[in-house]
């Protein structure tokens, strides 16, 4: 019986040490991103491996601005969009690995949504190939960090974003690289397009993604959340974001608890053995 307890405590100590090592190592290391050619877009692997957070994306967009006072608001937003487009390719959702979060990696074995990455910084760090809801969320967070107000727009089968400036919402799509500028060169919003089929067809008809026209015009199923600023367009994704943030803490706390229990148990067994010998 005593031997079995020692084995159990030793196992707890070893597992705790292994998981704590994974959590710490995952915080300072990342798997290099390589464009496997599966996704849509022209990802720059060098830039994708350089920009690992929303702050990095914003810094790169400011560098392209050449000083934020020298360009228009629309161009500032466009530069952020271009940076996001350059570091991602549209394909499969980026998911957790044992390095990024061992808890959610295991949870993803039971349900794929539980293993999906939702945090913008984590998407930037572990991404490369993402889905539209992930790239648009990173774009929204970067635009908000730049001092603007952005929101996700959920269409029927696609997710993009809008930014508020000059008294109205303006549409941007960092996933499909669609330019929503009207003939005058001004970027228009989804609401304007949904109420103007002729303008929607003029802007999107000759684009690479004319399939966006019907899902934009179907106004009844276009969803968005303007407040709180930076929220996902649907409550389920927002809830999973909070679960993910909690798991980011637990991936360090749980291994530490296992390690302490294992170490304390082994120490207790050693003390018992000494007492018996005495």
C-alpha atoms as a PDB file:
ATOM      1  CA  UNK A   1       0.000   0.000   0.000  1.00  0.00           C
ATOM      2  CA  UNK A   2       2.800   2.401   0.961  1.00  0.00           C
ATOM      3  CA  UNK A   3       4.650   1.555  -2.250  1.00  0.00           C
ATOM      4  CA  UNK A   4       1.559   2.312  -4.357  1.00  0.00           C
ATOM      5  CA  UNK A   5       1.182   5.682  -2.675  1.00  0.00           C
ATOM      6  CA  UNK A   6       4.808   6.543  -3.397  1.00  0.00           C
ATOM      7  CA  UNK A   7       4.298   5.641  -7.046  1.00  0.00           C
ATOM      8  CA  UNK A   8       1.151   7.780  -7.197  1.00  0.00           C
ATOM      9  CA  UNK A   9       2.850  10.810  -5.649  1.00  0.00           C
ATOM     10  CA  UNK A  10       5.887  10.391  -7.890  1.00  0.00           C
ATOM     11  CA  UNK A  11       3.581  10.248 -10.902  1.00  0.00           C
ATOM     12  CA  UNK A  12       1.770  13.423  -9.810  1.00  0.00           C
ATOM     13  CA  UNK A  13       5.105  15.194  -9.381  1.00  0.00           C
ATOM     14  CA  UNK A  14       6.355  14.070 -12.797  1.00  0.00           C
ATOM     15  CA  UNK A  15       3.125  14.985 -14.607  1.00  0.00           C
ATOM     16  CA  UNK A  16       3.012  18.370 -12.883  1.00  0.00           C
ATOM     17  CA  UNK A  17       6.609  19.081 -13.857  1.00  0.00           C
ATOM     18  CA  UNK A  18       5.993  18.021 -17.474  1.00  0.00           C
ATOM     19  CA  UNK A  19       2.846  20.133 -17.872  1.00  0.00           C
ATOM     20  CA  UNK A  20       4.432  23.162 -16.180  1.00  0.00           C
ATOM     21  CA  UNK A  21       7.398  22.860 -18.531  1.00  0.00           C
ATOM     22  CA  UNK A  22       5.040  22.749 -21.530  1.00  0.00           C
ATOM     23  CA  UNK A  23       3.188  25.845 -20.302  1.00  0.00           C
ATOM     24  CA  UNK A  24       6.369  27.849 -19.692  1.00  0.00           C
ATOM     25  CA  UNK A  25       8.090  26.721 -22.888  1.00  0.00           C
ATOM     26  CA  UNK A  26       4.976  27.513 -24.935  1.00  0.00           C
ATOM     27  CA  UNK A  27       5.067  31.066 -23.606  1.00  0.00           C
ATOM     28  CA  UNK A  28       8.545  31.749 -24.984  1.00  0.00           C
ATOM     29  CA  UNK A  29       8.598  29.513 -28.057  1.00  0.00           C
ATOM     30  CA  UNK A  30       6.441  29.159 -31.143  1.00  0.00           C
ATOM     31  CA  UNK A  31       6.320  26.749 -34.047  1.00  0.00           C
ATOM     32  CA  UNK A  32       7.591  28.552 -37.173  1.00  0.00           C
ATOM     33  CA  UNK A  33       4.764  29.321 -39.596  1.00  0.00           C
ATOM     34  CA  UNK A  34       5.086  27.896 -43.091  1.00  0.00           C
ATOM     35  CA  UNK A  35       2.676  28.550 -45.958  1.00  0.00           C
ATOM     36  CA  UNK A  36       1.539  25.057 -46.879  1.00  0.00           C
ATOM     37  CA  UNK A  37      -0.285  26.309 -49.966  1.00  0.00           C
ATOM     38  CA  UNK A  38      -3.685  25.078 -48.772  1.00  0.00           C
ATOM     39  CA  UNK A  39      -5.252  28.418 -47.913  1.00  0.00           C
ATOM     40  CA  UNK A  40      -6.530  31.414 -49.841  1.00  0.00           C
ATOM     41  CA  UNK A  41      -4.361  34.529 -50.021  1.00  0.00           C
ATOM     42  CA  UNK A  42      -0.727  35.543 -50.344  1.00  0.00           C
ATOM     43  CA  UNK A  43       0.709  35.102 -46.870  1.00  0.00           C
ATOM     44  CA  UNK A  44       4.235  36.343 -46.212  1.00  0.00           C
ATOM     45  CA  UNK A  45       5.795  33.642 -43.964  1.00  0.00           C
ATOM     46  CA  UNK A  46       8.695  35.911 -42.974  1.00  0.00           C
ATOM     47  CA  UNK A  47       6.325  38.631 -41.779  1.00  0.00           C
ATOM     48  CA  UNK A  48       3.990  36.058 -40.175  1.00  0.00           C
ATOM     49  CA  UNK A  49       6.877  34.748 -38.071  1.00  0.00           C
ATOM     50  CA  UNK A  50       7.869  38.278 -37.107  1.00  0.00           C
ATOM     51  CA  UNK A  51       4.501  39.679 -36.016  1.00  0.00           C
ATOM     52  CA  UNK A  52       3.286  37.687 -32.997  1.00  0.00           C
ATOM     53  CA  UNK A  53       0.805  40.032 -31.342  1.00  0.00           C
ATOM     54  CA  UNK A  54      -1.712  42.789 -32.019  1.00  0.00           C
ATOM     55  CA  UNK A  55       0.920  45.283 -30.865  1.00  0.00           C
ATOM     56  CA  UNK A  56       3.358  43.947 -33.483  1.00  0.00           C
ATOM     57  CA  UNK A  57       0.699  44.278 -36.192  1.00  0.00           C
ATOM     58  CA  UNK A  58       0.006  47.861 -35.181  1.00  0.00           C
ATOM     59  CA  UNK A  59       3.703  48.698 -35.145  1.00  0.00           C
ATOM     60  CA  UNK A  60       4.117  47.304 -38.662  1.00  0.00           C
ATOM     61  CA  UNK A  61       1.091  49.227 -39.953  1.00  0.00           C
ATOM     62  CA  UNK A  62       2.452  52.447 -38.410  1.00  0.00           C
ATOM     63  CA  UNK A  63       5.758  51.803 -40.134  1.00  0.00           C
ATOM     64  CA  UNK A  64       3.921  51.526 -43.433  1.00  0.00           C
ATOM     65  CA  UNK A  65       2.047  54.743 -42.636  1.00  0.00           C
ATOM     66  CA  UNK A  66       5.324  56.607 -42.455  1.00  0.00           C
ATOM     67  CA  UNK A  67       3.867  58.526 -39.487  1.00  0.00           C
ATOM     68  CA  UNK A  68       0.149  58.478 -38.720  1.00  0.00           C
ATOM     69  CA  UNK A  69      -0.207  62.230 -39.341  1.00  0.00           C
ATOM     70  CA  UNK A  70       0.710  61.844 -42.999  1.00  0.00           C
ATOM     71  CA  UNK A  71      -2.106  59.580 -44.135  1.00  0.00           C
ATOM     72  CA  UNK A  72      -5.902  59.647 -44.025  1.00  0.00           C
ATOM     73  CA  UNK A  73      -7.976  57.641 -41.564  1.00  0.00           C
ATOM     74  CA  UNK A  74      -9.080  55.370 -44.395  1.00  0.00           C
ATOM     75  CA  UNK A  75      -5.462  54.702 -45.342  1.00  0.00           C
ATOM     76  CA  UNK A  76      -4.494  53.978 -41.725  1.00  0.00           C
ATOM     77  CA  UNK A  77      -7.254  51.364 -41.554  1.00  0.00           C
ATOM     78  CA  UNK A  78      -6.259  50.002 -44.955  1.00  0.00           C
ATOM     79  CA  UNK A  79      -2.657  49.576 -43.812  1.00  0.00           C
ATOM     80  CA  UNK A  80      -3.768  47.571 -40.776  1.00  0.00           C
ATOM     81  CA  UNK A  81      -5.951  45.446 -43.062  1.00  0.00           C
ATOM     82  CA  UNK A  82      -3.021  44.863 -45.425  1.00  0.00           C
ATOM     83  CA  UNK A  83      -0.760  43.739 -42.581  1.00  0.00           C
ATOM     84  CA  UNK A  84      -3.375  41.259 -41.337  1.00  0.00           C
ATOM     85  CA  UNK A  85      -3.800  39.977 -44.883  1.00  0.00           C
ATOM     86  CA  UNK A  86      -0.039  39.508 -45.200  1.00  0.00           C
ATOM     87  CA  UNK A  87       0.349  37.337 -42.080  1.00  0.00           C
ATOM     88  CA  UNK A  88      -2.609  35.002 -42.585  1.00  0.00           C
ATOM     89  CA  UNK A  89      -3.935  32.683 -45.229  1.00  0.00           C
ATOM     90  CA  UNK A  90      -7.592  31.672 -45.249  1.00  0.00           C
ATOM     91  CA  UNK A  91      -8.111  27.950 -44.685  1.00  0.00           C
ATOM     92  CA  UNK A  92      -8.616  25.917 -41.533  1.00  0.00           C
ATOM     93  CA  UNK A  93      -9.031  27.373 -38.022  1.00  0.00           C
ATOM     94  CA  UNK A  94      -5.855  27.632 -35.977  1.00  0.00           C
ATOM     95  CA  UNK A  95      -6.196  25.388 -32.936  1.00  0.00           C
ATOM     96  CA  UNK A  96      -4.413  24.854 -29.661  1.00  0.00           C
ATOM     97  CA  UNK A  97      -1.459  22.506 -29.388  1.00  0.00           C
ATOM     98  CA  UNK A  98       0.194  21.090 -26.255  1.00  0.00           C
ATOM     99  CA  UNK A  99       2.549  24.083 -26.360  1.00  0.00           C
ATOM    100  CA  UNK A 100      -0.070  26.820 -26.716  1.00  0.00           C
ATOM    101  CA  UNK A 101      -2.462  25.411 -24.085  1.00  0.00           C
ATOM    102  CA  UNK A 102      -2.410  21.763 -23.081  1.00  0.00           C
ATOM    103  CA  UNK A 103      -5.807  22.033 -21.347  1.00  0.00           C
ATOM    104  CA  UNK A 104      -7.659  23.286 -24.419  1.00  0.00           C
ATOM    105  CA  UNK A 105      -5.684  20.943 -26.671  1.00  0.00           C
ATOM    106  CA  UNK A 106      -7.033  18.017 -24.640  1.00  0.00           C
ATOM    107  CA  UNK A 107     -10.534  19.556 -24.546  1.00  0.00           C
ATOM    108  CA  UNK A 108     -10.425  19.865 -28.338  1.00  0.00           C
ATOM    109  CA  UNK A 109     -10.204  16.079 -28.563  1.00  0.00           C
ATOM    110  CA  UNK A 110     -13.761  15.962 -27.194  1.00  0.00           C
ATOM    111  CA  UNK A 111     -15.186  18.911 -29.165  1.00  0.00           C
ATOM    112  CA  UNK A 112     -13.331  20.854 -31.899  1.00  0.00           C
ATOM    113  CA  UNK A 113     -14.660  24.245 -30.779  1.00  0.00           C
ATOM    114  CA  UNK A 114     -12.982  23.809 -27.380  1.00  0.00           C
ATOM    115  CA  UNK A 115      -9.610  23.479 -29.104  1.00  0.00           C
ATOM    116  CA  UNK A 116     -10.015  26.544 -31.322  1.00  0.00           C
ATOM    117  CA  UNK A 117      -7.993  29.685 -30.553  1.00  0.00           C
ATOM    118  CA  UNK A 118     -10.070  32.829 -29.941  1.00  0.00           C
ATOM    119  CA  UNK A 119      -7.666  35.376 -28.403  1.00  0.00           C
ATOM    120  CA  UNK A 120      -6.256  37.835 -30.966  1.00  0.00           C
ATOM    121  CA  UNK A 121      -2.670  37.686 -29.666  1.00  0.00           C
ATOM    122  CA  UNK A 122      -2.734  33.887 -29.606  1.00  0.00           C
ATOM    123  CA  UNK A 123      -4.160  33.777 -33.136  1.00  0.00           C
ATOM    124  CA  UNK A 124      -1.301  36.029 -34.253  1.00  0.00           C
ATOM    125  CA  UNK A 125       1.307  33.909 -32.482  1.00  0.00           C
ATOM    126  CA  UNK A 126       0.140  30.452 -33.507  1.00  0.00           C
ATOM    127  CA  UNK A 127      -1.773  31.287 -36.700  1.00  0.00           C
ATOM    128  CA  UNK A 128      -0.717  31.322 -40.311  1.00  0.00           C
ATOM    129  CA  UNK A 129      -3.718  29.450 -41.640  1.00  0.00           C
ATOM    130  CA  UNK A 130      -6.937  30.746 -40.085  1.00  0.00           C
ATOM    131  CA  UNK A 131     -10.649  31.125 -40.765  1.00  0.00           C
ATOM    132  CA  UNK A 132     -12.410  34.415 -41.490  1.00  0.00           C
ATOM    133  CA  UNK A 133     -13.726  34.859 -37.950  1.00  0.00           C
ATOM    134  CA  UNK A 134     -10.162  34.669 -36.611  1.00  0.00           C
ATOM    135  CA  UNK A 135      -8.484  37.022 -39.097  1.00  0.00           C
ATOM    136  CA  UNK A 136     -11.320  39.560 -38.829  1.00  0.00           C
ATOM    137  CA  UNK A 137     -11.116  39.428 -35.017  1.00  0.00           C
ATOM    138  CA  UNK A 138      -7.383  40.150 -35.102  1.00  0.00           C
ATOM    139  CA  UNK A 139      -8.111  43.052 -37.471  1.00  0.00           C
ATOM    140  CA  UNK A 140     -10.821  44.395 -35.126  1.00  0.00           C
ATOM    141  CA  UNK A 141      -8.474  44.263 -32.132  1.00  0.00           C
ATOM    142  CA  UNK A 142      -5.656  45.962 -34.043  1.00  0.00           C
ATOM    143  CA  UNK A 143      -7.959  48.745 -35.255  1.00  0.00           C
ATOM    144  CA  UNK A 144      -9.323  49.249 -31.738  1.00  0.00           C
ATOM    145  CA  UNK A 145      -5.764  49.408 -30.396  1.00  0.00           C
ATOM    146  CA  UNK A 146      -5.087  52.148 -32.948  1.00  0.00           C
ATOM    147  CA  UNK A 147      -7.802  54.261 -31.319  1.00  0.00           C
ATOM    148  CA  UNK A 148     -10.755  53.543 -33.595  1.00  0.00           C
ATOM    149  CA  UNK A 149     -13.980  51.594 -33.011  1.00  0.00           C
ATOM    150  CA  UNK A 150     -14.262  48.372 -34.997  1.00  0.00           C
ATOM    151  CA  UNK A 151     -16.730  45.493 -34.889  1.00  0.00           C
ATOM    152  CA  UNK A 152     -17.150  42.089 -36.509  1.00  0.00           C
ATOM    153  CA  UNK A 153     -19.950  41.514 -39.006  1.00  0.00           C
ATOM    154  CA  UNK A 154     -21.353  38.011 -39.300  1.00  0.00           C
ATOM    155  CA  UNK A 155     -22.843  37.284 -42.701  1.00  0.00           C
ATOM    156  CA  UNK A 156     -24.421  33.990 -43.726  1.00  0.00           C
ATOM    157  CA  UNK A 157     -21.250  31.931 -44.118  1.00  0.00           C
ATOM    158  CA  UNK A 158     -18.618  34.664 -43.835  1.00  0.00           C
ATOM    159  CA  UNK A 159     -17.264  37.040 -41.180  1.00  0.00           C
ATOM    160  CA  UNK A 160     -15.726  40.431 -41.904  1.00  0.00           C
ATOM    161  CA  UNK A 161     -15.461  43.772 -40.084  1.00  0.00           C
ATOM    162  CA  UNK A 162     -16.557  47.387 -40.024  1.00  0.00           C
ATOM    163  CA  UNK A 163     -14.808  50.465 -38.634  1.00  0.00           C
ATOM    164  CA  UNK A 164     -16.529  53.630 -37.408  1.00  0.00           C
ATOM    165  CA  UNK A 165     -15.075  56.930 -38.633  1.00  0.00           C
ATOM    166  CA  UNK A 166     -16.337  60.073 -40.339  1.00  0.00           C
ATOM    167  CA  UNK A 167     -19.743  59.477 -38.770  1.00  0.00           C
ATOM    168  CA  UNK A 168     -20.477  56.065 -40.292  1.00  0.00           C
ATOM    169  CA  UNK A 169     -19.462  52.411 -40.494  1.00  0.00           C
ATOM    170  CA  UNK A 170     -17.070  51.293 -43.252  1.00  0.00           C
ATOM    171  CA  UNK A 171     -16.578  47.685 -44.385  1.00  0.00           C
ATOM    172  CA  UNK A 172     -13.238  45.842 -44.502  1.00  0.00           C
ATOM    173  CA  UNK A 173     -12.532  42.204 -45.295  1.00  0.00           C
ATOM    174  CA  UNK A 174      -9.040  41.074 -44.209  1.00  0.00           C
ATOM    175  CA  UNK A 175      -9.842  37.508 -45.282  1.00  0.00           C
ATOM    176  CA  UNK A 176     -10.968  37.861 -48.906  1.00  0.00           C
ATOM    177  CA  UNK A 177      -9.030  41.075 -49.720  1.00  0.00           C
ATOM    178  CA  UNK A 178     -12.176  42.729 -51.083  1.00  0.00           C
ATOM    179  CA  UNK A 179     -12.125  46.499 -51.570  1.00  0.00           C
ATOM    180  CA  UNK A 180     -15.483  48.033 -50.615  1.00  0.00           C
ATOM    181  CA  UNK A 181     -14.750  51.447 -52.100  1.00  0.00           C
ATOM    182  CA  UNK A 182     -17.496  53.156 -54.098  1.00  0.00           C
ATOM    183  CA  UNK A 183     -16.769  54.911 -57.430  1.00  0.00           C
ATOM    184  CA  UNK A 184     -15.599  58.012 -55.510  1.00  0.00           C
ATOM    185  CA  UNK A 185     -12.975  55.953 -53.667  1.00  0.00           C
ATOM    186  CA  UNK A 186     -14.708  56.025 -50.277  1.00  0.00           C
ATOM    187  CA  UNK A 187     -15.143  52.744 -48.366  1.00  0.00           C
ATOM    188  CA  UNK A 188     -18.833  52.099 -47.679  1.00  0.00           C
ATOM    189  CA  UNK A 189     -20.516  49.981 -44.998  1.00  0.00           C
ATOM    190  CA  UNK A 190     -22.512  46.769 -45.118  1.00  0.00           C
ATOM    191  CA  UNK A 191     -25.759  48.598 -44.342  1.00  0.00           C
ATOM    192  CA  UNK A 192     -25.256  50.890 -47.347  1.00  0.00           C
ATOM    193  CA  UNK A 193     -24.499  47.935 -49.603  1.00  0.00           C
ATOM    194  CA  UNK A 194     -27.408  45.878 -48.295  1.00  0.00           C
ATOM    195  CA  UNK A 195     -29.824  48.707 -49.151  1.00  0.00           C
ATOM    196  CA  UNK A 196     -28.240  49.404 -52.545  1.00  0.00           C
ATOM    197  CA  UNK A 197     -28.151  46.216 -54.652  1.00  0.00           C
ATOM    198  CA  UNK A 198     -26.915  48.160 -57.677  1.00  0.00           C
ATOM    199  CA  UNK A 199     -23.943  49.574 -55.747  1.00  0.00           C
ATOM    200  CA  UNK A 200     -23.199  46.137 -54.241  1.00  0.00           C
ATOM    201  CA  UNK A 201     -23.102  44.584 -57.698  1.00  0.00           C
ATOM    202  CA  UNK A 202     -20.967  47.428 -59.052  1.00  0.00           C
ATOM    203  CA  UNK A 203     -18.385  47.023 -56.265  1.00  0.00           C
ATOM    204  CA  UNK A 204     -18.407  43.239 -55.924  1.00  0.00           C
ATOM    205  CA  UNK A 205     -19.535  42.056 -59.346  1.00  0.00           C
ATOM    206  CA  UNK A 206     -16.034  42.164 -60.844  1.00  0.00           C
ATOM    207  CA  UNK A 207     -14.203  41.250 -57.624  1.00  0.00           C
ATOM    208  CA  UNK A 208     -12.699  37.862 -56.819  1.00  0.00           C
ATOM    209  CA  UNK A 209     -15.664  37.118 -54.547  1.00  0.00           C
ATOM    210  CA  UNK A 210     -18.996  38.019 -56.175  1.00  0.00           C
ATOM    211  CA  UNK A 211     -20.586  35.349 -53.963  1.00  0.00           C
ATOM    212  CA  UNK A 212     -20.595  37.970 -51.208  1.00  0.00           C
ATOM    213  CA  UNK A 213     -23.359  39.910 -52.971  1.00  0.00           C
ATOM    214  CA  UNK A 214     -26.351  37.734 -51.957  1.00  0.00           C
ATOM    215  CA  UNK A 215     -25.191  37.236 -48.366  1.00  0.00           C
ATOM    216  CA  UNK A 216     -24.709  40.990 -47.932  1.00  0.00           C
ATOM    217  CA  UNK A 217     -28.079  41.771 -49.496  1.00  0.00           C
ATOM    218  CA  UNK A 218     -29.814  39.295 -47.158  1.00  0.00           C
ATOM    219  CA  UNK A 219     -29.988  41.852 -44.349  1.00  0.00           C
ATOM    220  CA  UNK A 220     -32.102  39.739 -41.998  1.00  0.00           C
ATOM    221  CA  UNK A 221     -29.236  37.392 -41.049  1.00  0.00           C
ATOM    222  CA  UNK A 222     -26.378  39.913 -40.845  1.00  0.00           C
ATOM    223  CA  UNK A 223     -25.250  39.965 -37.197  1.00  0.00           C
ATOM    224  CA  UNK A 224     -22.927  42.208 -35.218  1.00  0.00           C
ATOM    225  CA  UNK A 225     -22.165  43.457 -31.711  1.00  0.00           C
ATOM    226  CA  UNK A 226     -21.013  47.083 -31.453  1.00  0.00           C
ATOM    227  CA  UNK A 227     -20.645  47.128 -27.656  1.00  0.00           C
ATOM    228  CA  UNK A 228     -18.674  46.222 -25.675  1.00  0.00           C
ATOM    229  CA  UNK A 229     -15.911  47.380 -27.996  1.00  0.00           C
ATOM    230  CA  UNK A 230     -13.951  44.466 -29.423  1.00  0.00           C
ATOM    231  CA  UNK A 231     -16.561  41.780 -28.725  1.00  0.00           C
ATOM    232  CA  UNK A 232     -17.093  38.826 -31.036  1.00  0.00           C
ATOM    233  CA  UNK A 233     -20.159  39.038 -33.277  1.00  0.00           C
ATOM    234  CA  UNK A 234     -21.785  36.072 -31.512  1.00  0.00           C
ATOM    235  CA  UNK A 235     -22.098  35.219 -27.830  1.00  0.00           C
ATOM    236  CA  UNK A 236     -20.690  31.690 -28.156  1.00  0.00           C
ATOM    237  CA  UNK A 237     -17.341  32.900 -29.447  1.00  0.00           C
ATOM    238  CA  UNK A 238     -17.221  35.598 -26.776  1.00  0.00           C
ATOM    239  CA  UNK A 239     -17.921  32.989 -24.087  1.00  0.00           C
ATOM    240  CA  UNK A 240     -15.176  30.751 -25.468  1.00  0.00           C
ATOM    241  CA  UNK A 241     -12.778  33.704 -25.357  1.00  0.00           C
ATOM    242  CA  UNK A 242     -13.344  33.996 -21.598  1.00  0.00           C
ATOM    243  CA  UNK A 243     -12.953  30.230 -21.191  1.00  0.00           C
ATOM    244  CA  UNK A 244      -9.674  30.450 -23.086  1.00  0.00           C
ATOM    245  CA  UNK A 245      -8.409  33.278 -20.880  1.00  0.00           C
ATOM    246  CA  UNK A 246      -9.239  31.263 -17.779  1.00  0.00           C
ATOM    247  CA  UNK A 247      -7.454  28.244 -19.256  1.00  0.00           C
ATOM    248  CA  UNK A 248      -4.386  30.430 -19.868  1.00  0.00           C
ATOM    249  CA  UNK A 249      -4.085  30.785 -16.094  1.00  0.00           C
ATOM    250  CA  UNK A 250      -5.072  27.219 -15.273  1.00  0.00           C
ATOM    251  CA  UNK A 251      -2.394  25.770 -17.560  1.00  0.00           C
ATOM    252  CA  UNK A 252       0.161  27.095 -15.032  1.00  0.00           C
ATOM    253  CA  UNK A 253      -1.849  26.652 -11.819  1.00  0.00           C
ATOM    254  CA  UNK A 254      -2.957  23.021 -12.232  1.00  0.00           C
ATOM    255  CA  UNK A 255       0.536  21.619 -12.912  1.00  0.00           C
ATOM    256  CA  UNK A 256       1.865  23.570  -9.921  1.00  0.00           C
ATOM    257  CA  UNK A 257      -0.823  22.001  -7.718  1.00  0.00           C
ATOM    258  CA  UNK A 258       0.010  18.516  -9.003  1.00  0.00           C
ATOM    259  CA  UNK A 259       3.709  19.146  -8.409  1.00  0.00           C
ATOM    260  CA  UNK A 260       3.154  20.393  -4.850  1.00  0.00           C
ATOM    261  CA  UNK A 261       0.854  17.476  -3.967  1.00  0.00           C
ATOM    262  CA  UNK A 262       3.330  14.980  -5.400  1.00  0.00           C
ATOM    263  CA  UNK A 263       6.335  16.552  -3.673  1.00  0.00           C
ATOM    264  CA  UNK A 264       4.491  16.863  -0.350  1.00  0.00           C
ATOM    265  CA  UNK A 265       3.293  13.261  -0.573  1.00  0.00           C
ATOM    266  CA  UNK A 266       6.779  11.913  -1.275  1.00  0.00           C
ATOM    267  CA  UNK A 267       8.233  13.969   1.551  1.00  0.00           C
ATOM    268  CA  UNK A 268       5.544  12.658   3.916  1.00  0.00           C
ATOM    269  CA  UNK A 269       6.300   9.067   2.915  1.00  0.00           C
ATOM    270  CA  UNK A 270      10.020   9.650   3.545  1.00  0.00           C
ATOM    271  CA  UNK A 271       9.281  11.065   7.001  1.00  0.00           C
ATOM    272  CA  UNK A 272       7.070   8.050   7.800  1.00  0.00           C
ATOM    273  CA  UNK A 273       9.824   5.682   6.705  1.00  0.00           C
ATOM    274  CA  UNK A 274      12.367   7.428   8.950  1.00  0.00           C
ATOM    275  CA  UNK A 275      10.022   7.272  11.910  1.00  0.00           C
ATOM    276  CA  UNK A 276       9.458   3.566  11.371  1.00  0.00           C
ATOM    277  CA  UNK A 277      13.233   2.946  11.212  1.00  0.00           C
ATOM    278  CA  UNK A 278      13.728   4.946  14.388  1.00  0.00           C
END
